[in-house]
């Protein structure tokens, strides 16, 4: 950034694989005013990190390179409220998540919700928002993240209010999340006067279930996702069995993995094929890969084999450092 002008390379890195900013103008103004903005992303520690989480983790790596100070909130109290386990189970997952984040190599500041969410000033902000937020708005904001939303508990209505207050008390400039977080972020922005804090919302795409369109990737559904502790054999079997119709790009989880997880880490990828099937391909972007795939020049099994190989290149060092 120089003389009030944005560094285009930096902005391109920030914008890569982002669906939307709310708002883009607010982001630009932030970047012009602040050299090292603070970005955070919150995760419920309720099971091992999987590729669905890895979309936002990859984006945090981009933002770290772009000069942002990164905070990861391990939302242990949110997980409890959202019925993701008891205190002992969640504490065990917190320890595993800390270890995995360190193995990934992110230089993020890791904060637990329980470190600050019981303080009086935090709870006063929660109560102030609770007075303004309707039950219907609270339920709508939780539709994409709550378990058994049709039988939502009062504890699950606290969840979005606390998430909004987290943003203030962590002094966050940018809140990062997948598109399932959008309704909560919009609620928080709409309540900025009551909250006394505003921020830029940044949303990444969601990877479809490996079973196909209609649901997001989740390790709680057998065959739907891949976790970072899965073996090479488990990764290969999951990818080989995944939804990947020939020539179809839209809602194709294998192409989504390539775009959102693999290409941000490799300048180019090589797809190895026998000469009788066209020989090896070397590709420099997700757009190029999707163009070739949609033309029918690339067979799904060749694509799957390459994606599994590159996932192993990413995951094996993490698994090694984790031990």
C-alpha atoms as a PDB file:
ATOM      1  CA  UNK A   1       0.000   0.000   0.000  1.00  0.00           C
ATOM      2  CA  UNK A   2       1.471   3.359  -0.974  1.00  0.00           C
ATOM      3  CA  UNK A   3       0.195   6.945  -1.081  1.00  0.00           C
ATOM      4  CA  UNK A   4      -3.359   5.947  -0.236  1.00  0.00           C
ATOM      5  CA  UNK A   5      -3.540   3.381  -3.033  1.00  0.00           C
ATOM      6  CA  UNK A   6      -4.229  -0.301  -2.560  1.00  0.00           C
ATOM      7  CA  UNK A   7      -1.624  -2.910  -3.396  1.00  0.00           C
ATOM      8  CA  UNK A   8      -3.416  -4.847  -6.142  1.00  0.00           C
ATOM      9  CA  UNK A   9      -1.489  -8.079  -5.515  1.00  0.00           C
ATOM     10  CA  UNK A  10      -2.413  -7.895  -1.858  1.00  0.00           C
ATOM     11  CA  UNK A  11      -6.059  -7.204  -2.682  1.00  0.00           C
ATOM     12  CA  UNK A  12      -6.157 -10.135  -5.123  1.00  0.00           C
ATOM     13  CA  UNK A  13      -4.821 -12.421  -2.398  1.00  0.00           C
ATOM     14  CA  UNK A  14      -7.452 -11.157   0.043  1.00  0.00           C
ATOM     15  CA  UNK A  15     -10.242 -11.624  -2.514  1.00  0.00           C
ATOM     16  CA  UNK A  16      -9.191 -15.104  -3.693  1.00  0.00           C
ATOM     17  CA  UNK A  17     -11.950 -17.687  -3.212  1.00  0.00           C
ATOM     18  CA  UNK A  18     -14.234 -15.261  -1.365  1.00  0.00           C
ATOM     19  CA  UNK A  19     -17.925 -15.265  -2.307  1.00  0.00           C
ATOM     20  CA  UNK A  20     -18.684 -11.827  -0.870  1.00  0.00           C
ATOM     21  CA  UNK A  21     -17.593  -9.009   1.406  1.00  0.00           C
ATOM     22  CA  UNK A  22     -20.192  -7.106   3.368  1.00  0.00           C
ATOM     23  CA  UNK A  23     -19.224  -4.659   2.219  1.00  0.00           C
ATOM     24  CA  UNK A  24     -16.396  -4.366  -0.324  1.00  0.00           C
ATOM     25  CA  UNK A  25     -16.249  -0.580   0.176  1.00  0.00           C
ATOM     26  CA  UNK A  26     -15.832  -1.093   3.917  1.00  0.00           C
ATOM     27  CA  UNK A  27     -12.986  -3.532   3.251  1.00  0.00           C
ATOM     28  CA  UNK A  28     -11.193  -1.073   0.961  1.00  0.00           C
ATOM     29  CA  UNK A  29     -11.525   1.725   3.518  1.00  0.00           C
ATOM     30  CA  UNK A  30     -10.205  -0.584   6.222  1.00  0.00           C
ATOM     31  CA  UNK A  31      -7.160  -1.553   4.158  1.00  0.00           C
ATOM     32  CA  UNK A  32      -6.401   2.100   3.430  1.00  0.00           C
ATOM     33  CA  UNK A  33      -6.597   3.062   7.107  1.00  0.00           C
ATOM     34  CA  UNK A  34      -5.072   0.065   8.876  1.00  0.00           C
ATOM     35  CA  UNK A  35      -1.846  -1.721   7.963  1.00  0.00           C
ATOM     36  CA  UNK A  36      -2.541  -4.914   9.939  1.00  0.00           C
ATOM     37  CA  UNK A  37      -6.289  -5.438  10.378  1.00  0.00           C
ATOM     38  CA  UNK A  38      -7.551  -8.130  12.733  1.00  0.00           C
ATOM     39  CA  UNK A  39      -9.462 -11.062  11.231  1.00  0.00           C
ATOM     40  CA  UNK A  40     -11.027 -13.882  13.179  1.00  0.00           C
ATOM     41  CA  UNK A  41     -12.768 -17.141  12.454  1.00  0.00           C
ATOM     42  CA  UNK A  42     -14.529 -19.262  15.068  1.00  0.00           C
ATOM     43  CA  UNK A  43     -14.750 -23.044  15.133  1.00  0.00           C
ATOM     44  CA  UNK A  44     -16.735 -25.383  17.342  1.00  0.00           C
ATOM     45  CA  UNK A  45     -14.196 -27.951  18.579  1.00  0.00           C
ATOM     46  CA  UNK A  46     -16.445 -30.972  18.156  1.00  0.00           C
ATOM     47  CA  UNK A  47     -14.450 -33.491  16.164  1.00  0.00           C
ATOM     48  CA  UNK A  48     -11.286 -33.462  14.029  1.00  0.00           C
ATOM     49  CA  UNK A  49     -10.609 -30.690  11.491  1.00  0.00           C
ATOM     50  CA  UNK A  50     -11.962 -31.729   8.093  1.00  0.00           C
ATOM     51  CA  UNK A  51     -11.793 -30.309   4.580  1.00  0.00           C
ATOM     52  CA  UNK A  52     -14.896 -28.205   5.179  1.00  0.00           C
ATOM     53  CA  UNK A  53     -13.010 -26.354   7.935  1.00  0.00           C
ATOM     54  CA  UNK A  54      -9.947 -26.232   5.709  1.00  0.00           C
ATOM     55  CA  UNK A  55     -11.598 -23.756   3.321  1.00  0.00           C
ATOM     56  CA  UNK A  56     -11.619 -20.984   5.930  1.00  0.00           C
ATOM     57  CA  UNK A  57      -8.283 -22.142   7.385  1.00  0.00           C
ATOM     58  CA  UNK A  58      -6.778 -21.793   3.888  1.00  0.00           C
ATOM     59  CA  UNK A  59      -8.310 -18.327   3.633  1.00  0.00           C
ATOM     60  CA  UNK A  60      -6.783 -17.384   6.992  1.00  0.00           C
ATOM     61  CA  UNK A  61      -3.408 -18.430   5.578  1.00  0.00           C
ATOM     62  CA  UNK A  62      -3.998 -16.059   2.636  1.00  0.00           C
ATOM     63  CA  UNK A  63      -4.942 -13.240   5.002  1.00  0.00           C
ATOM     64  CA  UNK A  64      -1.901 -13.879   7.197  1.00  0.00           C
ATOM     65  CA  UNK A  65       0.287 -13.507   4.076  1.00  0.00           C
ATOM     66  CA  UNK A  66      -1.621 -10.309   3.266  1.00  0.00           C
ATOM     67  CA  UNK A  67      -0.611  -8.755   6.590  1.00  0.00           C
ATOM     68  CA  UNK A  68      -3.653  -9.486   8.743  1.00  0.00           C
ATOM     69  CA  UNK A  69      -3.373 -10.404  12.404  1.00  0.00           C
ATOM     70  CA  UNK A  70      -5.273 -13.690  12.712  1.00  0.00           C
ATOM     71  CA  UNK A  71      -7.349 -14.842  15.674  1.00  0.00           C
ATOM     72  CA  UNK A  72      -8.851 -18.319  15.839  1.00  0.00           C
ATOM     73  CA  UNK A  73     -11.653 -18.668  18.357  1.00  0.00           C
ATOM     74  CA  UNK A  74     -12.127 -22.198  19.619  1.00  0.00           C
ATOM     75  CA  UNK A  75     -15.748 -21.765  20.597  1.00  0.00           C
ATOM     76  CA  UNK A  76     -16.009 -24.273  23.416  1.00  0.00           C
ATOM     77  CA  UNK A  77     -19.021 -22.603  25.039  1.00  0.00           C
ATOM     78  CA  UNK A  78     -20.778 -22.316  21.674  1.00  0.00           C
ATOM     79  CA  UNK A  79     -20.196 -26.035  21.123  1.00  0.00           C
ATOM     80  CA  UNK A  80     -21.773 -26.740  24.513  1.00  0.00           C
ATOM     81  CA  UNK A  81     -24.781 -24.530  23.739  1.00  0.00           C
ATOM     82  CA  UNK A  82     -25.177 -26.174  20.317  1.00  0.00           C
ATOM     83  CA  UNK A  83     -25.234 -29.646  21.895  1.00  0.00           C
ATOM     84  CA  UNK A  84     -21.946 -30.772  20.370  1.00  0.00           C
ATOM     85  CA  UNK A  85     -20.785 -32.625  23.497  1.00  0.00           C
ATOM     86  CA  UNK A  86     -20.276 -32.293  27.233  1.00  0.00           C
ATOM     87  CA  UNK A  87     -17.545 -30.205  28.870  1.00  0.00           C
ATOM     88  CA  UNK A  88     -15.073 -33.089  29.110  1.00  0.00           C
ATOM     89  CA  UNK A  89     -15.561 -34.121  25.469  1.00  0.00           C
ATOM     90  CA  UNK A  90     -15.233 -30.546  24.214  1.00  0.00           C
ATOM     91  CA  UNK A  91     -12.094 -29.917  26.317  1.00  0.00           C
ATOM     92  CA  UNK A  92     -10.503 -32.996  24.734  1.00  0.00           C
ATOM     93  CA  UNK A  93     -11.312 -31.659  21.260  1.00  0.00           C
ATOM     94  CA  UNK A  94      -9.915 -28.218  22.143  1.00  0.00           C
ATOM     95  CA  UNK A  95      -6.540 -29.818  22.932  1.00  0.00           C
ATOM     96  CA  UNK A  96      -6.598 -31.681  19.606  1.00  0.00           C
ATOM     97  CA  UNK A  97      -7.551 -28.559  17.640  1.00  0.00           C
ATOM     98  CA  UNK A  98      -4.721 -26.547  19.206  1.00  0.00           C
ATOM     99  CA  UNK A  99      -2.263 -29.250  18.251  1.00  0.00           C
ATOM    100  CA  UNK A 100      -3.610 -29.485  14.690  1.00  0.00           C
ATOM    101  CA  UNK A 101      -3.561 -25.703  14.114  1.00  0.00           C
ATOM    102  CA  UNK A 102       0.066 -25.636  15.254  1.00  0.00           C
ATOM    103  CA  UNK A 103       0.857 -28.520  12.866  1.00  0.00           C
ATOM    104  CA  UNK A 104      -0.791 -26.656   9.967  1.00  0.00           C
ATOM    105  CA  UNK A 105       1.612 -23.762  10.509  1.00  0.00           C
ATOM    106  CA  UNK A 106      -0.788 -20.874  11.076  1.00  0.00           C
ATOM    107  CA  UNK A 107       0.717 -18.203  13.332  1.00  0.00           C
ATOM    108  CA  UNK A 108      -2.703 -17.346  14.671  1.00  0.00           C
ATOM    109  CA  UNK A 109      -3.557 -16.252  18.184  1.00  0.00           C
ATOM    110  CA  UNK A 110      -5.787 -19.007  19.588  1.00  0.00           C
ATOM    111  CA  UNK A 111      -8.482 -17.901  22.030  1.00  0.00           C
ATOM    112  CA  UNK A 112     -11.026 -20.025  23.893  1.00  0.00           C
ATOM    113  CA  UNK A 113     -14.551 -18.717  24.312  1.00  0.00           C
ATOM    114  CA  UNK A 114     -14.398 -19.694  27.985  1.00  0.00           C
ATOM    115  CA  UNK A 115     -11.412 -17.336  28.408  1.00  0.00           C
ATOM    116  CA  UNK A 116     -13.614 -14.229  28.181  1.00  0.00           C
ATOM    117  CA  UNK A 117     -17.302 -15.063  27.702  1.00  0.00           C
ATOM    118  CA  UNK A 118     -18.154 -15.209  31.431  1.00  0.00           C
ATOM    119  CA  UNK A 119     -16.925 -11.694  32.191  1.00  0.00           C
ATOM    120  CA  UNK A 120     -19.532  -9.197  33.359  1.00  0.00           C
ATOM    121  CA  UNK A 121     -19.100  -6.664  30.522  1.00  0.00           C
ATOM    122  CA  UNK A 122     -19.402  -9.458  27.953  1.00  0.00           C
ATOM    123  CA  UNK A 123     -22.606 -10.767  29.517  1.00  0.00           C
ATOM    124  CA  UNK A 124     -24.040  -7.243  29.744  1.00  0.00           C
ATOM    125  CA  UNK A 125     -23.560  -6.922  25.963  1.00  0.00           C
ATOM    126  CA  UNK A 126     -25.248 -10.306  25.477  1.00  0.00           C
ATOM    127  CA  UNK A 127     -28.237  -9.116  27.491  1.00  0.00           C
ATOM    128  CA  UNK A 128     -28.414  -5.802  25.609  1.00  0.00           C
ATOM    129  CA  UNK A 129     -28.604  -7.658  22.276  1.00  0.00           C
ATOM    130  CA  UNK A 130     -31.089 -10.173  23.699  1.00  0.00           C
ATOM    131  CA  UNK A 131     -33.446  -7.290  24.470  1.00  0.00           C
ATOM    132  CA  UNK A 132     -33.357  -6.128  20.833  1.00  0.00           C
ATOM    133  CA  UNK A 133     -33.251  -9.417  18.911  1.00  0.00           C
ATOM    134  CA  UNK A 134     -36.546 -11.161  18.159  1.00  0.00           C
ATOM    135  CA  UNK A 135     -36.903 -14.909  18.603  1.00  0.00           C
ATOM    136  CA  UNK A 136     -37.752 -15.268  14.890  1.00  0.00           C
ATOM    137  CA  UNK A 137     -34.579 -13.419  13.828  1.00  0.00           C
ATOM    138  CA  UNK A 138     -32.503 -15.499  16.198  1.00  0.00           C
ATOM    139  CA  UNK A 139     -33.927 -18.737  14.798  1.00  0.00           C
ATOM    140  CA  UNK A 140     -33.374 -17.609  11.202  1.00  0.00           C
ATOM    141  CA  UNK A 141     -29.749 -16.764  11.933  1.00  0.00           C
ATOM    142  CA  UNK A 142     -29.153 -20.297  13.241  1.00  0.00           C
ATOM    143  CA  UNK A 143     -30.794 -22.234  10.397  1.00  0.00           C
ATOM    144  CA  UNK A 144     -27.503 -23.232   8.757  1.00  0.00           C
ATOM    145  CA  UNK A 145     -25.466 -24.019  11.862  1.00  0.00           C
ATOM    146  CA  UNK A 146     -27.768 -25.464  14.542  1.00  0.00           C
ATOM    147  CA  UNK A 147     -28.392 -29.105  15.179  1.00  0.00           C
ATOM    148  CA  UNK A 148     -32.068 -30.111  15.041  1.00  0.00           C
ATOM    149  CA  UNK A 149     -33.252 -26.540  14.377  1.00  0.00           C
ATOM    150  CA  UNK A 150     -36.884 -27.714  14.325  1.00  0.00           C
ATOM    151  CA  UNK A 151     -36.513 -28.437  18.041  1.00  0.00           C
ATOM    152  CA  UNK A 152     -34.184 -25.564  18.859  1.00  0.00           C
ATOM    153  CA  UNK A 153     -33.447 -24.980  22.531  1.00  0.00           C
ATOM    154  CA  UNK A 154     -33.117 -21.605  24.257  1.00  0.00           C
ATOM    155  CA  UNK A 155     -29.369 -22.289  24.518  1.00  0.00           C
ATOM    156  CA  UNK A 156     -29.162 -22.329  20.724  1.00  0.00           C
ATOM    157  CA  UNK A 157     -30.712 -18.852  20.606  1.00  0.00           C
ATOM    158  CA  UNK A 158     -27.902 -17.565  22.815  1.00  0.00           C
ATOM    159  CA  UNK A 159     -25.445 -18.795  20.198  1.00  0.00           C
ATOM    160  CA  UNK A 160     -25.827 -16.044  17.537  1.00  0.00           C
ATOM    161  CA  UNK A 161     -25.989 -13.304  20.179  1.00  0.00           C
ATOM    162  CA  UNK A 162     -22.722 -14.499  21.697  1.00  0.00           C
ATOM    163  CA  UNK A 163     -21.131 -14.738  18.260  1.00  0.00           C
ATOM    164  CA  UNK A 164     -21.965 -11.086  17.629  1.00  0.00           C
ATOM    165  CA  UNK A 165     -20.556 -10.087  21.017  1.00  0.00           C
ATOM    166  CA  UNK A 166     -17.400 -12.150  20.346  1.00  0.00           C
ATOM    167  CA  UNK A 167     -16.639  -9.887  17.387  1.00  0.00           C
ATOM    168  CA  UNK A 168     -16.738  -6.814  19.616  1.00  0.00           C
ATOM    169  CA  UNK A 169     -14.776  -8.233  22.540  1.00  0.00           C
ATOM    170  CA  UNK A 170     -12.066  -9.673  20.289  1.00  0.00           C
ATOM    171  CA  UNK A 171     -11.847  -6.208  18.652  1.00  0.00           C
ATOM    172  CA  UNK A 172     -12.249  -7.758  15.220  1.00  0.00           C
ATOM    173  CA  UNK A 173     -12.070  -5.753  11.967  1.00  0.00           C
ATOM    174  CA  UNK A 174     -13.061  -8.688   9.728  1.00  0.00           C
ATOM    175  CA  UNK A 175     -15.186 -11.721  10.593  1.00  0.00           C
ATOM    176  CA  UNK A 176     -14.478 -14.683   8.322  1.00  0.00           C
ATOM    177  CA  UNK A 177     -16.849 -17.593   7.856  1.00  0.00           C
ATOM    178  CA  UNK A 178     -18.398 -19.904   5.340  1.00  0.00           C
ATOM    179  CA  UNK A 179     -21.690 -18.928   3.761  1.00  0.00           C
ATOM    180  CA  UNK A 180     -23.528 -20.790   6.537  1.00  0.00           C
ATOM    181  CA  UNK A 181     -22.418 -17.960   8.858  1.00  0.00           C
ATOM    182  CA  UNK A 182     -23.956 -15.213   6.718  1.00  0.00           C
ATOM    183  CA  UNK A 183     -27.252 -14.829   8.595  1.00  0.00           C
ATOM    184  CA  UNK A 184     -25.459 -14.522  11.929  1.00  0.00           C
ATOM    185  CA  UNK A 185     -23.053 -11.921  10.532  1.00  0.00           C
ATOM    186  CA  UNK A 186     -25.909  -9.940   8.990  1.00  0.00           C
ATOM    187  CA  UNK A 187     -27.746  -9.954  12.300  1.00  0.00           C
ATOM    188  CA  UNK A 188     -24.604  -8.677  14.041  1.00  0.00           C
ATOM    189  CA  UNK A 189     -24.154  -5.887  11.480  1.00  0.00           C
ATOM    190  CA  UNK A 190     -27.808  -4.892  11.753  1.00  0.00           C
ATOM    191  CA  UNK A 191     -27.337  -4.644  15.531  1.00  0.00           C
ATOM    192  CA  UNK A 192     -24.166  -2.526  15.307  1.00  0.00           C
ATOM    193  CA  UNK A 193     -25.694   0.433  17.171  1.00  0.00           C
ATOM    194  CA  UNK A 194     -26.799  -1.722  20.081  1.00  0.00           C
ATOM    195  CA  UNK A 195     -23.558  -3.691  19.972  1.00  0.00           C
ATOM    196  CA  UNK A 196     -21.375  -0.612  19.642  1.00  0.00           C
ATOM    197  CA  UNK A 197     -19.167  -2.286  17.045  1.00  0.00           C
ATOM    198  CA  UNK A 198     -19.064  -2.752  13.273  1.00  0.00           C
ATOM    199  CA  UNK A 199     -16.938  -5.014  11.095  1.00  0.00           C
ATOM    200  CA  UNK A 200     -16.492  -6.382   7.574  1.00  0.00           C
ATOM    201  CA  UNK A 201     -18.027  -9.808   6.958  1.00  0.00           C
ATOM    202  CA  UNK A 202     -16.052 -12.087   4.620  1.00  0.00           C
ATOM    203  CA  UNK A 203     -17.672 -15.286   3.329  1.00  0.00           C
ATOM    204  CA  UNK A 204     -16.115 -18.281   1.602  1.00  0.00           C
ATOM    205  CA  UNK A 205     -17.889 -21.006  -0.390  1.00  0.00           C
ATOM    206  CA  UNK A 206     -18.940 -24.305   1.146  1.00  0.00           C
ATOM    207  CA  UNK A 207     -17.658 -27.615  -0.211  1.00  0.00           C
ATOM    208  CA  UNK A 208     -20.466 -29.976  -1.098  1.00  0.00           C
ATOM    209  CA  UNK A 209     -20.722 -33.344   0.563  1.00  0.00           C
ATOM    210  CA  UNK A 210     -18.679 -35.968  -1.271  1.00  0.00           C
ATOM    211  CA  UNK A 211     -22.019 -37.722  -1.688  1.00  0.00           C
ATOM    212  CA  UNK A 212     -23.186 -34.894  -3.962  1.00  0.00           C
ATOM    213  CA  UNK A 213     -25.188 -31.633  -3.997  1.00  0.00           C
ATOM    214  CA  UNK A 214     -27.804 -30.784  -1.420  1.00  0.00           C
ATOM    215  CA  UNK A 215     -25.709 -30.760   1.729  1.00  0.00           C
ATOM    216  CA  UNK A 216     -22.360 -29.393   2.877  1.00  0.00           C
ATOM    217  CA  UNK A 217     -19.371 -31.568   3.699  1.00  0.00           C
ATOM    218  CA  UNK A 218     -19.530 -33.105   7.170  1.00  0.00           C
ATOM    219  CA  UNK A 219     -17.587 -35.854   8.880  1.00  0.00           C
ATOM    220  CA  UNK A 220     -20.662 -36.705  10.963  1.00  0.00           C
ATOM    221  CA  UNK A 221     -22.220 -38.209   7.810  1.00  0.00           C
ATOM    222  CA  UNK A 222     -20.383 -41.359   6.612  1.00  0.00           C
ATOM    223  CA  UNK A 223     -18.779 -40.838   3.208  1.00  0.00           C
ATOM    224  CA  UNK A 224     -19.456 -37.087   3.217  1.00  0.00           C
ATOM    225  CA  UNK A 225     -16.046 -35.685   4.111  1.00  0.00           C
ATOM    226  CA  UNK A 226     -12.351 -36.155   4.803  1.00  0.00           C
ATOM    227  CA  UNK A 227     -10.603 -35.248   8.053  1.00  0.00           C
ATOM    228  CA  UNK A 228      -6.960 -34.336   8.528  1.00  0.00           C
ATOM    229  CA  UNK A 229      -6.362 -37.469  10.583  1.00  0.00           C
ATOM    230  CA  UNK A 230      -7.633 -39.851   7.888  1.00  0.00           C
ATOM    231  CA  UNK A 231      -5.062 -42.254   6.455  1.00  0.00           C
ATOM    232  CA  UNK A 232      -3.884 -42.095   2.834  1.00  0.00           C
ATOM    233  CA  UNK A 233      -6.006 -45.161   2.112  1.00  0.00           C
ATOM    234  CA  UNK A 234      -9.101 -43.568   3.660  1.00  0.00           C
ATOM    235  CA  UNK A 235      -8.534 -40.382   1.637  1.00  0.00           C
ATOM    236  CA  UNK A 236      -8.159 -42.319  -1.618  1.00  0.00           C
ATOM    237  CA  UNK A 237     -11.274 -44.395  -0.927  1.00  0.00           C
ATOM    238  CA  UNK A 238     -13.323 -41.310  -0.053  1.00  0.00           C
ATOM    239  CA  UNK A 239     -12.216 -39.454  -3.202  1.00  0.00           C
ATOM    240  CA  UNK A 240     -12.699 -42.477  -5.459  1.00  0.00           C
ATOM    241  CA  UNK A 241     -16.253 -42.895  -4.200  1.00  0.00           C
ATOM    242  CA  UNK A 242     -17.131 -39.201  -4.441  1.00  0.00           C
ATOM    243  CA  UNK A 243     -19.729 -37.553  -6.649  1.00  0.00           C
ATOM    244  CA  UNK A 244     -17.908 -36.279  -9.751  1.00  0.00           C
ATOM    245  CA  UNK A 245     -20.062 -36.559 -12.913  1.00  0.00           C
ATOM    246  CA  UNK A 246     -18.259 -36.250 -16.216  1.00  0.00           C
ATOM    247  CA  UNK A 247     -18.140 -32.693 -17.661  1.00  0.00           C
ATOM    248  CA  UNK A 248     -20.130 -31.276 -14.686  1.00  0.00           C
ATOM    249  CA  UNK A 249     -18.423 -28.409 -12.851  1.00  0.00           C
ATOM    250  CA  UNK A 250     -21.265 -27.018 -10.739  1.00  0.00           C
ATOM    251  CA  UNK A 251     -21.546 -28.516  -7.229  1.00  0.00           C
ATOM    252  CA  UNK A 252     -18.695 -30.903  -7.991  1.00  0.00           C
ATOM    253  CA  UNK A 253     -16.879 -31.443  -4.657  1.00  0.00           C
ATOM    254  CA  UNK A 254     -13.696 -32.741  -6.308  1.00  0.00           C
ATOM    255  CA  UNK A 255     -13.299 -29.553  -8.355  1.00  0.00           C
ATOM    256  CA  UNK A 256     -14.210 -27.495  -5.281  1.00  0.00           C
ATOM    257  CA  UNK A 257     -11.418 -29.172  -3.308  1.00  0.00           C
ATOM    258  CA  UNK A 258      -9.002 -28.379  -6.141  1.00  0.00           C
ATOM    259  CA  UNK A 259     -10.039 -24.712  -6.261  1.00  0.00           C
ATOM    260  CA  UNK A 260     -10.393 -23.967  -2.559  1.00  0.00           C
ATOM    261  CA  UNK A 261      -7.686 -26.122  -0.990  1.00  0.00           C
ATOM    262  CA  UNK A 262      -5.137 -27.395  -3.531  1.00  0.00           C
ATOM    263  CA  UNK A 263      -4.479 -24.475  -5.903  1.00  0.00           C
ATOM    264  CA  UNK A 264      -3.905 -21.953  -3.060  1.00  0.00           C
ATOM    265  CA  UNK A 265      -0.957 -24.143  -1.991  1.00  0.00           C
ATOM    266  CA  UNK A 266       0.547 -25.111  -5.355  1.00  0.00           C
ATOM    267  CA  UNK A 267       1.443 -22.803  -8.235  1.00  0.00           C
ATOM    268  CA  UNK A 268       0.596 -25.585 -10.673  1.00  0.00           C
ATOM    269  CA  UNK A 269      -0.676 -29.140 -10.511  1.00  0.00           C
ATOM    270  CA  UNK A 270       0.178 -32.108 -12.695  1.00  0.00           C
ATOM    271  CA  UNK A 271      -2.412 -34.681 -13.688  1.00  0.00           C
ATOM    272  CA  UNK A 272      -0.661 -37.868 -14.698  1.00  0.00           C
ATOM    273  CA  UNK A 273      -2.225 -39.913 -17.507  1.00  0.00           C
ATOM    274  CA  UNK A 274      -1.108 -42.611 -19.877  1.00  0.00           C
ATOM    275  CA  UNK A 275      -0.164 -41.357 -23.347  1.00  0.00           C
ATOM    276  CA  UNK A 276      -3.083 -43.218 -24.907  1.00  0.00           C
ATOM    277  CA  UNK A 277      -5.404 -41.044 -22.779  1.00  0.00           C
ATOM    278  CA  UNK A 278      -3.693 -37.793 -23.763  1.00  0.00           C
ATOM    279  CA  UNK A 279      -0.605 -37.800 -21.553  1.00  0.00           C
ATOM    280  CA  UNK A 280       0.122 -35.659 -18.531  1.00  0.00           C
ATOM    281  CA  UNK A 281      -1.550 -32.280 -17.990  1.00  0.00           C
ATOM    282  CA  UNK A 282       0.056 -29.351 -16.198  1.00  0.00           C
ATOM    283  CA  UNK A 283      -2.418 -26.737 -15.006  1.00  0.00           C
ATOM    284  CA  UNK A 284      -1.838 -23.348 -13.395  1.00  0.00           C
ATOM    285  CA  UNK A 285      -5.321 -22.395 -12.189  1.00  0.00           C
ATOM    286  CA  UNK A 286      -8.674 -23.758 -11.084  1.00  0.00           C
ATOM    287  CA  UNK A 287     -10.305 -21.950 -14.007  1.00  0.00           C
ATOM    288  CA  UNK A 288      -8.070 -23.845 -16.438  1.00  0.00           C
ATOM    289  CA  UNK A 289      -8.832 -27.163 -14.720  1.00  0.00           C
ATOM    290  CA  UNK A 290     -12.579 -26.554 -14.786  1.00  0.00           C
ATOM    291  CA  UNK A 291     -12.475 -25.531 -18.433  1.00  0.00           C
ATOM    292  CA  UNK A 292     -10.702 -28.740 -19.454  1.00  0.00           C
ATOM    293  CA  UNK A 293     -12.992 -30.861 -17.280  1.00  0.00           C
ATOM    294  CA  UNK A 294     -16.182 -29.314 -18.668  1.00  0.00           C
ATOM    295  CA  UNK A 295     -14.971 -30.017 -22.223  1.00  0.00           C
ATOM    296  CA  UNK A 296     -14.743 -33.738 -21.499  1.00  0.00           C
ATOM    297  CA  UNK A 297     -10.981 -33.832 -22.111  1.00  0.00           C
ATOM    298  CA  UNK A 298     -10.329 -35.012 -18.543  1.00  0.00           C
ATOM    299  CA  UNK A 299     -11.818 -38.226 -17.149  1.00  0.00           C
ATOM    300  CA  UNK A 300     -13.239 -38.128 -13.581  1.00  0.00           C
ATOM    301  CA  UNK A 301     -10.951 -40.934 -12.385  1.00  0.00           C
ATOM    302  CA  UNK A 302      -7.822 -39.093 -13.589  1.00  0.00           C
ATOM    303  CA  UNK A 303      -9.042 -35.973 -11.785  1.00  0.00           C
ATOM    304  CA  UNK A 304      -9.810 -37.924  -8.611  1.00  0.00           C
ATOM    305  CA  UNK A 305      -6.412 -39.618  -8.594  1.00  0.00           C
ATOM    306  CA  UNK A 306      -4.633 -36.275  -8.885  1.00  0.00           C
ATOM    307  CA  UNK A 307      -6.762 -34.597  -6.194  1.00  0.00           C
ATOM    308  CA  UNK A 308      -6.171 -37.501  -3.792  1.00  0.00           C
ATOM    309  CA  UNK A 309      -2.404 -37.268  -4.425  1.00  0.00           C
ATOM    310  CA  UNK A 310      -2.287 -33.538  -3.732  1.00  0.00           C
ATOM    311  CA  UNK A 311      -4.464 -33.859  -0.637  1.00  0.00           C
ATOM    312  CA  UNK A 312      -1.999 -36.399   0.683  1.00  0.00           C
ATOM    313  CA  UNK A 313       0.866 -33.959   0.016  1.00  0.00           C
ATOM    314  CA  UNK A 314      -0.986 -31.374   2.120  1.00  0.00           C
ATOM    315  CA  UNK A 315      -2.208 -33.648   4.901  1.00  0.00           C
ATOM    316  CA  UNK A 316       0.808 -35.963   5.436  1.00  0.00           C
ATOM    317  CA  UNK A 317       3.094 -33.190   6.849  1.00  0.00           C
ATOM    318  CA  UNK A 318       0.255 -32.011   9.132  1.00  0.00           C
ATOM    319  CA  UNK A 319      -0.294 -35.558  10.336  1.00  0.00           C
ATOM    320  CA  UNK A 320       3.489 -35.940  10.857  1.00  0.00           C
ATOM    321  CA  UNK A 321       3.803 -32.688  12.825  1.00  0.00           C
ATOM    322  CA  UNK A 322       0.709 -33.590  14.843  1.00  0.00           C
ATOM    323  CA  UNK A 323       2.319 -36.745  16.253  1.00  0.00           C
END
